[in-house]
C-alpha atoms as a PDB file:
ATOM      1  CA  UNK A   1     -48.344   2.940 -28.922  1.00  0.00           C
ATOM      2  CA  UNK A   2     -45.334   4.306 -29.887  1.00  0.00           C
ATOM      3  CA  UNK A   3     -42.227   3.304 -28.003  1.00  0.00           C
ATOM      4  CA  UNK A   4     -39.592   5.964 -26.771  1.00  0.00           C
ATOM      5  CA  UNK A   5     -35.495   5.817 -27.289  1.00  0.00           C
ATOM      6  CA  UNK A   6     -35.284   3.739 -24.093  1.00  0.00           C
ATOM      7  CA  UNK A   7     -38.259   1.265 -25.345  1.00  0.00           C
ATOM      8  CA  UNK A   8     -40.550   2.575 -22.998  1.00  0.00           C
ATOM      9  CA  UNK A   9     -44.239   3.558 -23.364  1.00  0.00           C
ATOM     10  CA  UNK A  10     -44.878   6.874 -24.958  1.00  0.00           C
ATOM     11  CA  UNK A  11     -46.767   8.406 -21.883  1.00  0.00           C
ATOM     12  CA  UNK A  12     -49.027  11.990 -21.852  1.00  0.00           C
ATOM     13  CA  UNK A  13     -47.601  14.210 -19.787  1.00  0.00           C
ATOM     14  CA  UNK A  14     -49.251  16.791 -17.667  1.00  0.00           C
ATOM     15  CA  UNK A  15     -46.875  19.763 -16.064  1.00  0.00           C
ATOM     16  CA  UNK A  16     -48.427  21.756 -13.605  1.00  0.00           C
ATOM     17  CA  UNK A  17     -45.978  25.345 -13.101  1.00  0.00           C
ATOM     18  CA  UNK A  18     -45.550  25.839  -9.758  1.00  0.00           C
ATOM     19  CA  UNK A  19     -42.187  28.136  -9.460  1.00  0.00           C
ATOM     20  CA  UNK A  20     -40.706  30.618 -11.725  1.00  0.00           C
ATOM     21  CA  UNK A  21     -37.249  29.896 -12.584  1.00  0.00           C
ATOM     22  CA  UNK A  22     -34.286  32.456 -12.778  1.00  0.00           C
ATOM     23  CA  UNK A  23     -33.064  32.877 -16.392  1.00  0.00           C
ATOM     24  CA  UNK A  24     -30.008  34.342 -18.236  1.00  0.00           C
ATOM     25  CA  UNK A  25     -32.287  37.065 -19.603  1.00  0.00           C
ATOM     26  CA  UNK A  26     -33.234  37.910 -16.277  1.00  0.00           C
ATOM     27  CA  UNK A  27     -36.629  37.362 -16.514  1.00  0.00           C
ATOM     28  CA  UNK A  28     -39.295  35.027 -14.779  1.00  0.00           C
ATOM     29  CA  UNK A  29     -40.168  31.526 -16.162  1.00  0.00           C
ATOM     30  CA  UNK A  30     -42.564  28.916 -15.772  1.00  0.00           C
ATOM     31  CA  UNK A  31     -41.692  26.016 -16.933  1.00  0.00           C
ATOM     32  CA  UNK A  32     -44.044  23.531 -18.866  1.00  0.00           C
ATOM     33  CA  UNK A  33     -42.915  20.897 -21.106  1.00  0.00           C
ATOM     34  CA  UNK A  34     -39.108  20.492 -21.430  1.00  0.00           C
ATOM     35  CA  UNK A  35     -36.960  17.031 -20.747  1.00  0.00           C
ATOM     36  CA  UNK A  36     -37.072  17.310 -16.918  1.00  0.00           C
ATOM     37  CA  UNK A  37     -40.436  17.965 -16.689  1.00  0.00           C
ATOM     38  CA  UNK A  38     -41.902  15.884 -19.311  1.00  0.00           C
ATOM     39  CA  UNK A  39     -39.373  13.897 -21.095  1.00  0.00           C
ATOM     40  CA  UNK A  40     -39.349  15.689 -23.787  1.00  0.00           C
ATOM     41  CA  UNK A  41     -36.458  15.470 -26.387  1.00  0.00           C
ATOM     42  CA  UNK A  42     -36.699  17.747 -28.962  1.00  0.00           C
ATOM     43  CA  UNK A  43     -39.046  20.505 -27.504  1.00  0.00           C
ATOM     44  CA  UNK A  44     -39.374  23.072 -24.424  1.00  0.00           C
ATOM     45  CA  UNK A  45     -42.579  25.615 -23.684  1.00  0.00           C
ATOM     46  CA  UNK A  46     -42.562  27.854 -20.688  1.00  0.00           C
ATOM     47  CA  UNK A  47     -44.571  30.611 -19.889  1.00  0.00           C
ATOM     48  CA  UNK A  48     -42.311  34.311 -19.547  1.00  0.00           C
ATOM     49  CA  UNK A  49     -43.846  37.383 -17.653  1.00  0.00           C
ATOM     50  CA  UNK A  50     -41.909  40.702 -18.314  1.00  0.00           C
ATOM     51  CA  UNK A  51     -42.895  42.908 -15.558  1.00  0.00           C
ATOM     52  CA  UNK A  52     -44.422  46.253 -15.816  1.00  0.00           C
ATOM     53  CA  UNK A  53     -41.722  48.482 -17.583  1.00  0.00           C
ATOM     54  CA  UNK A  54     -39.083  45.107 -17.603  1.00  0.00           C
ATOM     55  CA  UNK A  55     -37.130  43.728 -19.726  1.00  0.00           C
ATOM     56  CA  UNK A  56     -34.786  41.170 -20.648  1.00  0.00           C
ATOM     57  CA  UNK A  57     -31.207  41.299 -21.238  1.00  0.00           C
ATOM     58  CA  UNK A  58     -29.879  41.672 -24.846  1.00  0.00           C
ATOM     59  CA  UNK A  59     -29.295  38.231 -25.636  1.00  0.00           C
ATOM     60  CA  UNK A  60     -29.097  35.500 -29.068  1.00  0.00           C
ATOM     61  CA  UNK A  61     -30.678  31.871 -28.690  1.00  0.00           C
ATOM     62  CA  UNK A  62     -27.918  29.687 -29.819  1.00  0.00           C
ATOM     63  CA  UNK A  63     -28.784  26.857 -32.468  1.00  0.00           C
ATOM     64  CA  UNK A  64     -32.284  27.072 -31.850  1.00  0.00           C
ATOM     65  CA  UNK A  65     -35.761  28.470 -33.158  1.00  0.00           C
ATOM     66  CA  UNK A  66     -38.044  30.398 -30.883  1.00  0.00           C
ATOM     67  CA  UNK A  67     -41.847  30.740 -31.284  1.00  0.00           C
ATOM     68  CA  UNK A  68     -43.511  33.325 -28.789  1.00  0.00           C
ATOM     69  CA  UNK A  69     -47.281  33.572 -28.941  1.00  0.00           C
ATOM     70  CA  UNK A  70     -48.137  36.514 -26.545  1.00  0.00           C
ATOM     71  CA  UNK A  71     -50.980  36.406 -24.035  1.00  0.00           C
ATOM     72  CA  UNK A  72     -51.604  39.581 -22.246  1.00  0.00           C
ATOM     73  CA  UNK A  73     -49.611  42.879 -22.697  1.00  0.00           C
ATOM     74  CA  UNK A  74     -47.652  44.789 -25.512  1.00  0.00           C
ATOM     75  CA  UNK A  75     -44.388  44.257 -26.347  1.00  0.00           C
ATOM     76  CA  UNK A  76     -41.323  46.213 -27.976  1.00  0.00           C
ATOM     77  CA  UNK A  77     -38.570  43.422 -29.661  1.00  0.00           C
ATOM     78  CA  UNK A  78     -35.534  45.046 -30.526  1.00  0.00           C
ATOM     79  CA  UNK A  79     -33.668  42.834 -32.894  1.00  0.00           C
ATOM     80  CA  UNK A  80     -30.738  42.731 -35.044  1.00  0.00           C
ATOM     81  CA  UNK A  81     -27.370  44.227 -35.469  1.00  0.00           C
ATOM     82  CA  UNK A  82     -26.996  46.621 -32.763  1.00  0.00           C
ATOM     83  CA  UNK A  83     -30.581  46.087 -31.902  1.00  0.00           C
ATOM     84  CA  UNK A  84     -31.731  48.810 -34.451  1.00  0.00           C
ATOM     85  CA  UNK A  85     -34.451  47.359 -35.363  1.00  0.00           C
ATOM     86  CA  UNK A  86     -38.060  46.879 -33.567  1.00  0.00           C
ATOM     87  CA  UNK A  87     -41.266  45.192 -33.637  1.00  0.00           C
ATOM     88  CA  UNK A  88     -44.249  45.050 -31.607  1.00  0.00           C
ATOM     89  CA  UNK A  89     -46.336  42.444 -30.768  1.00  0.00           C
ATOM     90  CA  UNK A  90     -49.606  42.423 -28.466  1.00  0.00           C
ATOM     91  CA  UNK A  91     -51.934  39.735 -27.359  1.00  0.00           C
ATOM     92  CA  UNK A  92     -52.473  37.012 -29.939  1.00  0.00           C
ATOM     93  CA  UNK A  93     -49.439  38.065 -31.844  1.00  0.00           C
ATOM     94  CA  UNK A  94     -46.981  35.277 -32.721  1.00  0.00           C
ATOM     95  CA  UNK A  95     -43.330  36.065 -33.235  1.00  0.00           C
ATOM     96  CA  UNK A  96     -40.718  34.098 -34.595  1.00  0.00           C
ATOM     97  CA  UNK A  97     -36.876  34.183 -33.403  1.00  0.00           C
ATOM     98  CA  UNK A  98     -34.275  32.440 -36.060  1.00  0.00           C
ATOM     99  CA  UNK A  99     -31.267  31.125 -34.396  1.00  0.00           C
ATOM    100  CA  UNK A 100     -28.709  33.697 -34.048  1.00  0.00           C
ATOM    101  CA  UNK A 101     -30.631  36.992 -34.272  1.00  0.00           C
ATOM    102  CA  UNK A 102     -29.893  38.901 -31.393  1.00  0.00           C
ATOM    103  CA  UNK A 103     -32.806  40.898 -29.565  1.00  0.00           C
ATOM    104  CA  UNK A 104     -34.069  42.455 -26.251  1.00  0.00           C
ATOM    105  CA  UNK A 105     -38.172  42.405 -25.556  1.00  0.00           C
ATOM    106  CA  UNK A 106     -39.585  45.348 -23.699  1.00  0.00           C
ATOM    107  CA  UNK A 107     -42.898  46.057 -21.366  1.00  0.00           C
ATOM    108  CA  UNK A 108     -44.561  48.568 -23.091  1.00  0.00           C
ATOM    109  CA  UNK A 109     -46.499  48.808 -20.433  1.00  0.00           C
ATOM    110  CA  UNK A 110     -45.703  50.763 -17.198  1.00  0.00           C
ATOM    111  CA  UNK A 111     -48.150  49.105 -15.173  1.00  0.00           C
ATOM    112  CA  UNK A 112     -49.641  45.994 -16.298  1.00  0.00           C
ATOM    113  CA  UNK A 113     -47.689  43.009 -16.879  1.00  0.00           C
ATOM    114  CA  UNK A 114     -46.723  41.014 -20.042  1.00  0.00           C
ATOM    115  CA  UNK A 115     -47.167  37.430 -20.335  1.00  0.00           C
ATOM    116  CA  UNK A 116     -46.058  35.261 -23.347  1.00  0.00           C
ATOM    117  CA  UNK A 117     -46.149  31.470 -24.246  1.00  0.00           C
ATOM    118  CA  UNK A 118     -42.648  30.688 -25.629  1.00  0.00           C
ATOM    119  CA  UNK A 119     -41.351  27.510 -27.678  1.00  0.00           C
ATOM    120  CA  UNK A 120     -38.296  26.240 -28.974  1.00  0.00           C
ATOM    121  CA  UNK A 121     -37.036  23.418 -30.969  1.00  0.00           C
ATOM    122  CA  UNK A 122     -35.071  22.695 -27.838  1.00  0.00           C
ATOM    123  CA  UNK A 123     -35.814  20.473 -25.109  1.00  0.00           C
ATOM    124  CA  UNK A 124     -33.840  21.870 -21.905  1.00  0.00           C
ATOM    125  CA  UNK A 125     -35.815  24.715 -19.529  1.00  0.00           C
ATOM    126  CA  UNK A 126     -31.899  26.066 -19.026  1.00  0.00           C
ATOM    127  CA  UNK A 127     -31.518  27.290 -22.987  1.00  0.00           C
ATOM    128  CA  UNK A 128     -28.430  28.521 -24.641  1.00  0.00           C
ATOM    129  CA  UNK A 129     -28.286  31.942 -24.711  1.00  0.00           C
ATOM    130  CA  UNK A 130     -25.369  34.132 -25.121  1.00  0.00           C
ATOM    131  CA  UNK A 131     -25.295  37.365 -23.941  1.00  0.00           C
ATOM    132  CA  UNK A 132     -25.108  40.723 -26.584  1.00  0.00           C
ATOM    133  CA  UNK A 133     -23.014  43.931 -26.398  1.00  0.00           C
ATOM    134  CA  UNK A 134     -25.555  46.250 -28.955  1.00  0.00           C
ATOM    135  CA  UNK A 135     -22.660  48.894 -28.813  1.00  0.00           C
ATOM    136  CA  UNK A 136     -20.308  46.344 -30.652  1.00  0.00           C
ATOM    137  CA  UNK A 137     -22.466  46.158 -33.844  1.00  0.00           C
ATOM    138  CA  UNK A 138     -22.381  50.285 -34.482  1.00  0.00           C
END
């Protein structure tokens, strides 16, 4: 069995997300795997819910990659300088967001929430998010 950095035997950890946390993007996140919940050193994974007709605040992930798997709903993600580019994902789609790319997701349904699993190569549940003002990139 492999040891962790403190010489303890590595453990398998089950996490039962029981509450949402507030995020800079202003969307509810249900913390799954993180440094705090599972002792992760280089990974975090959460469930995010975009309410009907809702959206995140425009932002940039500083210094880490993000992978998203859409479980339910249809989400338009605007991205790039001025958020002028756009892609739509739906249940079963994966989305990759490189570090430093400005983006903003929008739930395209006015009646149903969109749900997605978000994974990052960063172990903290409070990710390094930088607010982004798209009007500054005209």
